[in-house]
C-alpha atoms as a PDB file:
ATOM      1  CA  MET A   1       3.307 -15.700  13.432  1.00  0.00           C
ATOM      2  CA  THR A   2       2.885 -12.781  11.016  1.00  0.00           C
ATOM      3  CA  THR A   3       5.883 -11.464   9.073  1.00  0.00           C
ATOM      4  CA  LEU A   4       6.583  -8.884   6.395  1.00  0.00           C
ATOM      5  CA  GLU A   5       9.180 -10.095   3.897  1.00  0.00           C
ATOM      6  CA  PRO A   6      10.578  -8.990   0.560  1.00  0.00           C
ATOM      7  CA  ALA A   7       8.658 -10.778  -2.175  1.00  0.00           C
ATOM      8  CA  ARG A   8      10.596 -13.233  -4.325  1.00  0.00           C
ATOM      9  CA  MET A   9      10.274 -13.538  -8.083  1.00  0.00           C
ATOM     10  CA  GLU A  10       8.934 -17.090  -7.720  1.00  0.00           C
ATOM     11  CA  GLU A  11       6.018 -15.582  -5.729  1.00  0.00           C
ATOM     12  CA  VAL A  12       4.945 -13.186  -8.502  1.00  0.00           C
ATOM     13  CA  ASN A  13       1.956 -15.339  -9.558  1.00  0.00           C
ATOM     14  CA  VAL A  14       0.633 -15.544  -5.992  1.00  0.00           C
ATOM     15  CA  CYS A  15       1.111 -11.774  -5.603  1.00  0.00           C
ATOM     16  CA  MET A  16      -0.768 -11.164  -8.861  1.00  0.00           C
ATOM     17  CA  GLU A  17      -3.622 -13.401  -7.718  1.00  0.00           C
ATOM     18  CA  ILE A  18      -3.887 -11.302  -4.550  1.00  0.00           C
ATOM     19  CA  ILE A  19      -4.003  -8.131  -6.675  1.00  0.00           C
ATOM     20  CA  LYS A  20      -6.760  -9.680  -8.827  1.00  0.00           C
ATOM     21  CA  GLU A  21      -8.721 -10.523  -5.671  1.00  0.00           C
ATOM     22  CA  GLY A  22      -8.203  -6.917  -4.550  1.00  0.00           C
ATOM     23  CA  LYS A  23      -9.609  -5.614  -7.832  1.00  0.00           C
ATOM     24  CA  LYS A  24     -12.650  -7.851  -7.449  1.00  0.00           C
ATOM     25  CA  PHE A  25     -13.093  -6.715  -3.838  1.00  0.00           C
ATOM     26  CA  GLN A  26     -13.056  -3.092  -5.001  1.00  0.00           C
ATOM     27  CA  GLU A  27     -15.794  -3.881  -7.529  1.00  0.00           C
ATOM     28  CA  GLU A  28     -17.838  -5.573  -4.794  1.00  0.00           C
ATOM     29  CA  GLN A  29     -17.475  -2.388  -2.712  1.00  0.00           C
ATOM     30  CA  GLY A  30     -18.884  -0.379  -5.621  1.00  0.00           C
ATOM     31  CA  PHE A  31     -15.795   1.374  -6.972  1.00  0.00           C
ATOM     32  CA  THR A  32     -12.814   0.816  -9.233  1.00  0.00           C
ATOM     33  CA  GLN A  33      -9.469   2.191  -8.118  1.00  0.00           C
ATOM     34  CA  TRP A  34      -7.282  -0.323  -9.910  1.00  0.00           C
ATOM     35  CA  THR A  35      -7.875  -0.811 -13.621  1.00  0.00           C
ATOM     36  CA  GLU A  36      -7.583  -3.858 -15.819  1.00  0.00           C
ATOM     37  CA  ASP A  37      -4.109  -2.625 -16.796  1.00  0.00           C
ATOM     38  CA  TYR A  38      -2.898  -1.541 -13.351  1.00  0.00           C
ATOM     39  CA  PRO A  39      -1.439  -3.052 -11.371  1.00  0.00           C
ATOM     40  CA  ASP A  40      -0.361  -5.807 -13.724  1.00  0.00           C
ATOM     41  CA  LYS A  41       2.189  -8.591 -13.553  1.00  0.00           C
ATOM     42  CA  ASP A  42       4.927  -6.341 -14.963  1.00  0.00           C
ATOM     43  CA  THR A  43       4.259  -3.848 -12.153  1.00  0.00           C
ATOM     44  CA  ILE A  44       4.631  -6.614  -9.570  1.00  0.00           C
ATOM     45  CA  ARG A  45       7.786  -7.959 -11.235  1.00  0.00           C
ATOM     46  CA  SER A  46       9.260  -4.456 -11.240  1.00  0.00           C
ATOM     47  CA  ASP A  47       8.402  -4.024  -7.543  1.00  0.00           C
ATOM     48  CA  ILE A  48      10.148  -7.303  -6.726  1.00  0.00           C
ATOM     49  CA  ARG A  49      13.173  -6.585  -8.918  1.00  0.00           C
ATOM     50  CA  LYS A  50      13.631  -3.196  -7.214  1.00  0.00           C
ATOM     51  CA  THR A  51      13.156  -4.761  -3.737  1.00  0.00           C
ATOM     52  CA  LYS A  52       9.961  -2.764  -3.205  1.00  0.00           C
ATOM     53  CA  GLY A  53       7.504  -5.658  -3.342  1.00  0.00           C
ATOM     54  CA  TYR A  54       6.636  -7.220   0.015  1.00  0.00           C
ATOM     55  CA  VAL A  55       4.511 -10.138   1.098  1.00  0.00           C
ATOM     56  CA  LEU A  56       2.727 -10.470   4.380  1.00  0.00           C
ATOM     57  CA  LYS A  57       2.884 -14.026   5.663  1.00  0.00           C
ATOM     58  CA  MET A  58       0.779 -15.651   8.345  1.00  0.00           C
ATOM     59  CA  ASP A  59       2.261 -18.921   9.519  1.00  0.00           C
ATOM     60  CA  ASP A  60       4.387 -19.026   6.328  1.00  0.00           C
ATOM     61  CA  GLU A  61       1.352 -18.597   4.033  1.00  0.00           C
ATOM     62  CA  ILE A  62       1.228 -15.483   1.853  1.00  0.00           C
ATOM     63  CA  ALA A  63      -1.742 -13.423   3.037  1.00  0.00           C
ATOM     64  CA  GLY A  64      -1.037 -10.078   1.366  1.00  0.00           C
ATOM     65  CA  TYR A  65       1.046  -8.087  -1.064  1.00  0.00           C
ATOM     66  CA  MET A  66       2.161  -4.443  -1.152  1.00  0.00           C
ATOM     67  CA  CYS A  67       4.797  -2.127  -2.520  1.00  0.00           C
ATOM     68  CA  ILE A  68       6.848  -0.250   0.074  1.00  0.00           C
ATOM     69  CA  ASP A  69       8.976   2.349  -1.645  1.00  0.00           C
ATOM     70  CA  PHE A  70      11.711   4.166   0.263  1.00  0.00           C
ATOM     71  CA  ASP A  71      12.602   6.303  -2.777  1.00  0.00           C
ATOM     72  CA  GLY A  72       9.547   8.569  -2.520  1.00  0.00           C
ATOM     73  CA  GLU A  73       6.819   9.229  -5.070  1.00  0.00           C
ATOM     74  CA  PRO A  74       7.269  12.003  -7.674  1.00  0.00           C
ATOM     75  CA  ALA A  75       3.491  12.526  -7.835  1.00  0.00           C
ATOM     76  CA  TYR A  76       3.629  13.596  -4.176  1.00  0.00           C
ATOM     77  CA  ASP A  77       5.843  16.590  -4.991  1.00  0.00           C
ATOM     78  CA  ASP A  78       2.806  18.560  -6.172  1.00  0.00           C
ATOM     79  CA  ILE A  79       0.187  18.391  -3.425  1.00  0.00           C
ATOM     80  CA  GLN A  80      -2.893  20.543  -3.133  1.00  0.00           C
ATOM     81  CA  GLY A  81      -2.538  20.916   0.595  1.00  0.00           C
ATOM     82  CA  ARG A  82       0.510  20.370   2.727  1.00  0.00           C
ATOM     83  CA  TRP A  83       2.533  17.404   3.942  1.00  0.00           C
ATOM     84  CA  ARG A  84       3.273  17.593   7.653  1.00  0.00           C
ATOM     85  CA  THR A  85       7.002  17.021   7.128  1.00  0.00           C
ATOM     86  CA  GLU A  86       9.494  17.232   4.297  1.00  0.00           C
ATOM     87  CA  GLU A  87      11.714  14.538   5.815  1.00  0.00           C
ATOM     88  CA  PRO A  88      12.403  11.337   3.835  1.00  0.00           C
ATOM     89  CA  TYR A  89       9.388   9.046   3.713  1.00  0.00           C
ATOM     90  CA  ALA A  90       8.187   5.637   2.604  1.00  0.00           C
ATOM     91  CA  VAL A  91       5.242   5.193   0.264  1.00  0.00           C
ATOM     92  CA  ILE A  92       2.838   2.277   0.400  1.00  0.00           C
ATOM     93  CA  HIS A  93       1.185   1.307  -2.878  1.00  0.00           C
ATOM     94  CA  ARG A  94      -0.826  -1.691  -4.074  1.00  0.00           C
ATOM     95  CA  MET A  95      -1.803  -3.124  -0.682  1.00  0.00           C
ATOM     96  CA  ALA A  96      -4.085  -6.132  -1.032  1.00  0.00           C
ATOM     97  CA  PHE A  97      -4.966  -9.207   1.002  1.00  0.00           C
ATOM     98  CA  ARG A  98      -6.245 -12.650   0.114  1.00  0.00           C
ATOM     99  CA  LYS A  99      -9.966 -12.844   0.682  1.00  0.00           C
ATOM    100  CA  GLU A 100      -9.681 -15.562   3.320  1.00  0.00           C
ATOM    101  CA  PHE A 101      -7.544 -13.216   5.443  1.00  0.00           C
ATOM    102  CA  ARG A 102      -9.885 -10.214   5.303  1.00  0.00           C
ATOM    103  CA  GLY A 103     -11.841  -9.070   8.339  1.00  0.00           C
ATOM    104  CA  ILE A 104      -9.346 -10.260  10.967  1.00  0.00           C
ATOM    105  CA  GLY A 105      -7.543  -6.963  11.603  1.00  0.00           C
ATOM    106  CA  LEU A 106      -4.688  -7.721   9.245  1.00  0.00           C
ATOM    107  CA  THR A 107      -4.281  -4.119   8.067  1.00  0.00           C
ATOM    108  CA  ASP A 108      -3.530  -2.968  11.618  1.00  0.00           C
ATOM    109  CA  ILE A 109      -0.903  -5.702  11.989  1.00  0.00           C
ATOM    110  CA  THR A 110       0.506  -4.878   8.551  1.00  0.00           C
ATOM    111  CA  PHE A 111       0.840  -1.172   9.272  1.00  0.00           C
ATOM    112  CA  GLY A 112       2.641  -2.028  12.515  1.00  0.00           C
ATOM    113  CA  LEU A 113       5.116  -4.215  10.608  1.00  0.00           C
ATOM    114  CA  ILE A 114       5.596  -1.525   7.942  1.00  0.00           C
ATOM    115  CA  GLU A 115       6.274   1.058  10.648  1.00  0.00           C
ATOM    116  CA  ASP A 116       8.891  -1.236  12.197  1.00  0.00           C
ATOM    117  CA  LEU A 117      10.521  -1.697   8.774  1.00  0.00           C
ATOM    118  CA  CYS A 118      10.567   2.060   8.201  1.00  0.00           C
ATOM    119  CA  ILE A 119      12.186   2.761  11.563  1.00  0.00           C
ATOM    120  CA  GLN A 120      14.793   0.046  10.906  1.00  0.00           C
ATOM    121  CA  ASN A 121      15.592   1.932   7.680  1.00  0.00           C
ATOM    122  CA  GLY A 122      15.809   5.317   9.421  1.00  0.00           C
ATOM    123  CA  ILE A 123      12.516   6.537   7.933  1.00  0.00           C
ATOM    124  CA  HIS A 124      10.031   8.251  10.248  1.00  0.00           C
ATOM    125  CA  CYS A 125       7.214   9.177   7.873  1.00  0.00           C
ATOM    126  CA  ILE A 126       4.845   7.169   5.674  1.00  0.00           C
ATOM    127  CA  ARG A 127       2.756   8.625   2.858  1.00  0.00           C
ATOM    128  CA  VAL A 128      -0.175   6.966   1.141  1.00  0.00           C
ATOM    129  CA  ASP A 129      -3.005   7.856  -1.210  1.00  0.00           C
ATOM    130  CA  THR A 130      -6.368   6.473  -2.178  1.00  0.00           C
ATOM    131  CA  ASP A 131      -9.369   7.270  -4.336  1.00  0.00           C
ATOM    132  CA  PHE A 132     -12.198   9.397  -2.982  1.00  0.00           C
ATOM    133  CA  SER A 133     -14.553   6.437  -3.437  1.00  0.00           C
ATOM    134  CA  ASN A 134     -12.396   4.049  -1.391  1.00  0.00           C
ATOM    135  CA  LYS A 135     -14.084   4.772   1.935  1.00  0.00           C
ATOM    136  CA  ARG A 136     -12.819   1.547   3.488  1.00  0.00           C
ATOM    137  CA  MET A 137      -9.173   2.487   2.930  1.00  0.00           C
ATOM    138  CA  GLN A 138      -9.792   6.036   4.145  1.00  0.00           C
ATOM    139  CA  HIS A 139     -11.196   4.566   7.365  1.00  0.00           C
ATOM    140  CA  ILE A 140      -8.208   2.209   7.709  1.00  0.00           C
ATOM    141  CA  PHE A 141      -5.755   5.078   7.241  1.00  0.00           C
ATOM    142  CA  LYS A 142      -7.458   7.220   9.880  1.00  0.00           C
ATOM    143  CA  LYS A 143      -7.753   4.278  12.275  1.00  0.00           C
ATOM    144  CA  ASN A 144      -4.006   3.704  11.920  1.00  0.00           C
ATOM    145  CA  GLY A 145      -3.029   7.289  12.669  1.00  0.00           C
ATOM    146  CA  PHE A 146      -2.712   8.746   9.175  1.00  0.00           C
ATOM    147  CA  GLU A 147      -3.863  12.314   8.623  1.00  0.00           C
ATOM    148  CA  ASN A 148      -5.342  13.727   5.442  1.00  0.00           C
ATOM    149  CA  CYS A 149      -2.910  16.284   4.013  1.00  0.00           C
ATOM    150  CA  GLY A 150      -4.666  17.204   0.764  1.00  0.00           C
ATOM    151  CA  ARG A 151      -4.910  15.914  -2.785  1.00  0.00           C
ATOM    152  CA  ILE A 152      -2.427  14.676  -5.338  1.00  0.00           C
ATOM    153  CA  ILE A 153      -2.645  13.480  -8.928  1.00  0.00           C
ATOM    154  CA  PHE A 154      -1.472   9.874  -9.295  1.00  0.00           C
ATOM    155  CA  GLN A 155      -1.726   7.970 -12.555  1.00  0.00           C
ATOM    156  CA  GLY A 156      -3.942  10.629 -14.076  1.00  0.00           C
ATOM    157  CA  SER A 157      -6.565  10.908 -11.355  1.00  0.00           C
ATOM    158  CA  GLU A 158      -6.990  12.916  -8.194  1.00  0.00           C
ATOM    159  CA  LYS A 159      -6.411  11.047  -4.936  1.00  0.00           C
ATOM    160  CA  LEU A 160      -6.649  11.821  -1.247  1.00  0.00           C
ATOM    161  CA  ALA A 161      -3.169  12.042   0.276  1.00  0.00           C
ATOM    162  CA  TYR A 162      -2.305  11.011   3.842  1.00  0.00           C
ATOM    163  CA  ASP A 163       0.799  10.865   5.953  1.00  0.00           C
ATOM    164  CA  LYS A 164       1.832   9.501   9.321  1.00  0.00           C
ATOM    165  CA  TRP A 165       4.775  10.582  11.424  1.00  0.00           C
ATOM    166  CA  LEU A 166       6.435   7.684  13.285  1.00  0.00           C
END
């Protein structure tokens, strides 16, 4: 059984290990989206403290970590392009999976669980961003029904911006 649950503070080290594996995976793919300083353990702790950090569990084992933020993203206010709706939205940041869970279609399952969570919270739009060099994530977004809406500046660099209406 696969579940999406709020991360607990006692899981912060596991979540950080998943982020580290994600950084290494990015390097193996030939790009760097996350830096040595971001995301760091303080970022993960802050996510958890604000109830924005989530873990994906498969049969009670943590398989992934992500931030799901229902408060919006200020960087998304200034888009070169156009969002398809101005309704409230959720943002997904820092999505990463343990290496032993990659390649089994987990992102599709995860997006389905995130969509269910959004609908339960009365949110019918999800926004995401990624680097131009992160072709894998761009493919995943498109495969899961996200549409490219333009470009935003997030953490000092230009990113591709996508949204999905639920």
